[in-house]
C-alpha atoms as a PDB file:
ATOM      1  CA  UNK A   1       0.000   0.000   0.000  1.00  0.00           C
ATOM      2  CA  UNK A   2       1.398   3.370  -1.033  1.00  0.00           C
ATOM      3  CA  UNK A   3       0.840   6.578   0.803  1.00  0.00           C
ATOM      4  CA  UNK A   4       0.861   9.863  -1.070  1.00  0.00           C
ATOM      5  CA  UNK A   5       3.037  12.636   0.255  1.00  0.00           C
ATOM      6  CA  UNK A   6       1.104  15.855   0.449  1.00  0.00           C
ATOM      7  CA  UNK A   7       3.137  18.999  -0.225  1.00  0.00           C
ATOM      8  CA  UNK A   8       1.526  22.357   0.277  1.00  0.00           C
ATOM      9  CA  UNK A   9       1.765  24.837  -2.626  1.00  0.00           C
ATOM     10  CA  UNK A  10       2.814  27.448  -0.069  1.00  0.00           C
ATOM     11  CA  UNK A  11       5.783  25.260   0.959  1.00  0.00           C
ATOM     12  CA  UNK A  12       6.877  24.910  -2.680  1.00  0.00           C
ATOM     13  CA  UNK A  13       6.598  28.671  -3.180  1.00  0.00           C
ATOM     14  CA  UNK A  14       8.718  29.285  -0.081  1.00  0.00           C
ATOM     15  CA  UNK A  15      11.449  26.920  -1.319  1.00  0.00           C
ATOM     16  CA  UNK A  16      11.484  28.594  -4.751  1.00  0.00           C
ATOM     17  CA  UNK A  17      11.765  32.047  -3.172  1.00  0.00           C
ATOM     18  CA  UNK A  18      14.708  30.938  -1.045  1.00  0.00           C
ATOM     19  CA  UNK A  19      16.499  29.519  -4.076  1.00  0.00           C
ATOM     20  CA  UNK A  20      15.871  32.714  -6.046  1.00  0.00           C
ATOM     21  CA  UNK A  21      17.164  34.888  -3.184  1.00  0.00           C
ATOM     22  CA  UNK A  22      20.342  32.825  -2.864  1.00  0.00           C
ATOM     23  CA  UNK A  23      21.009  33.032  -6.608  1.00  0.00           C
ATOM     24  CA  UNK A  24      20.509  36.802  -6.754  1.00  0.00           C
ATOM     25  CA  UNK A  25      22.931  37.328  -3.840  1.00  0.00           C
ATOM     26  CA  UNK A  26      25.580  35.270  -5.613  1.00  0.00           C
ATOM     27  CA  UNK A  27      25.176  37.372  -8.778  1.00  0.00           C
ATOM     28  CA  UNK A  28      25.559  40.628  -6.796  1.00  0.00           C
ATOM     29  CA  UNK A  29      28.731  39.319  -5.176  1.00  0.00           C
ATOM     30  CA  UNK A  30      30.152  38.413  -8.594  1.00  0.00           C
ATOM     31  CA  UNK A  31      29.318  41.813 -10.057  1.00  0.00           C
ATOM     32  CA  UNK A  32      31.518  43.962  -7.803  1.00  0.00           C
ATOM     33  CA  UNK A  33      35.019  42.958  -6.776  1.00  0.00           C
ATOM     34  CA  UNK A  34      35.798  43.133  -3.053  1.00  0.00           C
ATOM     35  CA  UNK A  35      36.828  46.426  -1.465  1.00  0.00           C
ATOM     36  CA  UNK A  36      40.375  46.362  -0.039  1.00  0.00           C
ATOM     37  CA  UNK A  37      41.368  48.721   2.789  1.00  0.00           C
ATOM     38  CA  UNK A  38      44.832  50.279   2.725  1.00  0.00           C
ATOM     39  CA  UNK A  39      47.020  49.456   5.715  1.00  0.00           C
ATOM     40  CA  UNK A  40      49.265  51.961   7.432  1.00  0.00           C
ATOM     41  CA  UNK A  41      52.333  49.880   6.515  1.00  0.00           C
ATOM     42  CA  UNK A  42      51.612  50.564   2.810  1.00  0.00           C
ATOM     43  CA  UNK A  43      51.751  54.361   3.132  1.00  0.00           C
ATOM     44  CA  UNK A  44      55.505  54.841   2.591  1.00  0.00           C
ATOM     45  CA  UNK A  45      56.079  51.963   0.175  1.00  0.00           C
ATOM     46  CA  UNK A  46      58.310  52.211  -2.879  1.00  0.00           C
ATOM     47  CA  UNK A  47      56.148  51.110  -5.804  1.00  0.00           C
ATOM     48  CA  UNK A  48      57.000  49.380  -9.062  1.00  0.00           C
ATOM     49  CA  UNK A  49      55.719  50.760 -12.346  1.00  0.00           C
ATOM     50  CA  UNK A  50      53.471  47.804 -13.189  1.00  0.00           C
ATOM     51  CA  UNK A  51      50.033  48.604 -14.598  1.00  0.00           C
ATOM     52  CA  UNK A  52      47.373  46.723 -12.687  1.00  0.00           C
ATOM     53  CA  UNK A  53      44.751  49.463 -12.213  1.00  0.00           C
ATOM     54  CA  UNK A  54      42.646  49.948  -9.111  1.00  0.00           C
ATOM     55  CA  UNK A  55      39.760  52.281  -8.382  1.00  0.00           C
ATOM     56  CA  UNK A  56      40.685  54.153  -5.205  1.00  0.00           C
ATOM     57  CA  UNK A  57      38.323  55.771  -2.712  1.00  0.00           C
ATOM     58  CA  UNK A  58      39.972  59.194  -2.185  1.00  0.00           C
ATOM     59  CA  UNK A  59      39.035  61.706   0.534  1.00  0.00           C
ATOM     60  CA  UNK A  60      38.115  65.072  -1.018  1.00  0.00           C
ATOM     61  CA  UNK A  61      38.279  67.021   2.218  1.00  0.00           C
ATOM     62  CA  UNK A  62      34.773  68.365   1.560  1.00  0.00           C
ATOM     63  CA  UNK A  63      32.620  68.617   4.643  1.00  0.00           C
ATOM     64  CA  UNK A  64      29.138  69.821   3.815  1.00  0.00           C
ATOM     65  CA  UNK A  65      25.552  68.900   4.593  1.00  0.00           C
ATOM     66  CA  UNK A  66      24.389  68.602   0.972  1.00  0.00           C
ATOM     67  CA  UNK A  67      23.990  65.260  -0.788  1.00  0.00           C
ATOM     68  CA  UNK A  68      25.672  66.721  -3.903  1.00  0.00           C
ATOM     69  CA  UNK A  69      28.898  67.288  -1.973  1.00  0.00           C
ATOM     70  CA  UNK A  70      30.591  63.889  -1.597  1.00  0.00           C
ATOM     71  CA  UNK A  71      33.351  63.402   0.946  1.00  0.00           C
ATOM     72  CA  UNK A  72      35.132  60.933  -1.336  1.00  0.00           C
ATOM     73  CA  UNK A  73      35.632  60.386  -5.034  1.00  0.00           C
ATOM     74  CA  UNK A  74      36.819  57.417  -7.092  1.00  0.00           C
ATOM     75  CA  UNK A  75      40.104  57.832  -8.957  1.00  0.00           C
ATOM     76  CA  UNK A  76      41.951  55.212 -11.015  1.00  0.00           C
ATOM     77  CA  UNK A  77      45.532  54.561  -9.871  1.00  0.00           C
ATOM     78  CA  UNK A  78      48.026  52.470 -11.872  1.00  0.00           C
ATOM     79  CA  UNK A  79      48.312  49.861  -9.106  1.00  0.00           C
ATOM     80  CA  UNK A  80      47.396  49.163  -5.485  1.00  0.00           C
ATOM     81  CA  UNK A  81      50.768  50.274  -4.183  1.00  0.00           C
ATOM     82  CA  UNK A  82      50.385  53.674  -5.859  1.00  0.00           C
ATOM     83  CA  UNK A  83      46.891  54.068  -4.460  1.00  0.00           C
ATOM     84  CA  UNK A  84      47.793  53.155  -0.881  1.00  0.00           C
ATOM     85  CA  UNK A  85      50.877  55.404  -0.983  1.00  0.00           C
ATOM     86  CA  UNK A  86      48.474  58.352  -1.190  1.00  0.00           C
ATOM     87  CA  UNK A  87      47.482  59.294   2.394  1.00  0.00           C
ATOM     88  CA  UNK A  88      44.048  60.440   1.160  1.00  0.00           C
ATOM     89  CA  UNK A  89      43.162  56.947  -0.102  1.00  0.00           C
ATOM     90  CA  UNK A  90      41.262  54.758   2.352  1.00  0.00           C
ATOM     91  CA  UNK A  91      40.991  51.700   0.080  1.00  0.00           C
ATOM     92  CA  UNK A  92      40.368  50.468  -3.452  1.00  0.00           C
ATOM     93  CA  UNK A  93      38.556  48.041  -5.740  1.00  0.00           C
ATOM     94  CA  UNK A  94      40.443  46.048  -8.394  1.00  0.00           C
ATOM     95  CA  UNK A  95      40.062  47.455 -11.917  1.00  0.00           C
ATOM     96  CA  UNK A  96      39.623  50.901 -13.422  1.00  0.00           C
ATOM     97  CA  UNK A  97      36.897  53.139 -12.029  1.00  0.00           C
ATOM     98  CA  UNK A  98      35.096  53.322 -15.405  1.00  0.00           C
ATOM     99  CA  UNK A  99      34.710  49.527 -15.560  1.00  0.00           C
ATOM    100  CA  UNK A 100      33.211  49.132 -12.074  1.00  0.00           C
ATOM    101  CA  UNK A 101      29.483  48.410 -12.022  1.00  0.00           C
ATOM    102  CA  UNK A 102      27.492  51.031 -10.162  1.00  0.00           C
ATOM    103  CA  UNK A 103      30.318  53.593 -10.225  1.00  0.00           C
ATOM    104  CA  UNK A 104      29.263  57.164 -10.848  1.00  0.00           C
END
């Protein structure tokens, strides 16, 4: 004698939503490379002239209450060493600033 397993449509919908959410999070993580913070030990480094561009997060020094006045801007540096040698850089993303998704 066989017994039928009853699965609620609501349970199936919940499982599908969880799968969809997990997939969309993986795609977002693949879209933007990880942000790397500069360490204090990198500030006085002697850098090579290799070209492996990074998009650095540079302090502008602007301190204002308006949304149109950002405190940082993104600038492409030739490599991570060059970016972190600048004391105004807090960190960087691999790649040129133009090629980063969501960069303005």
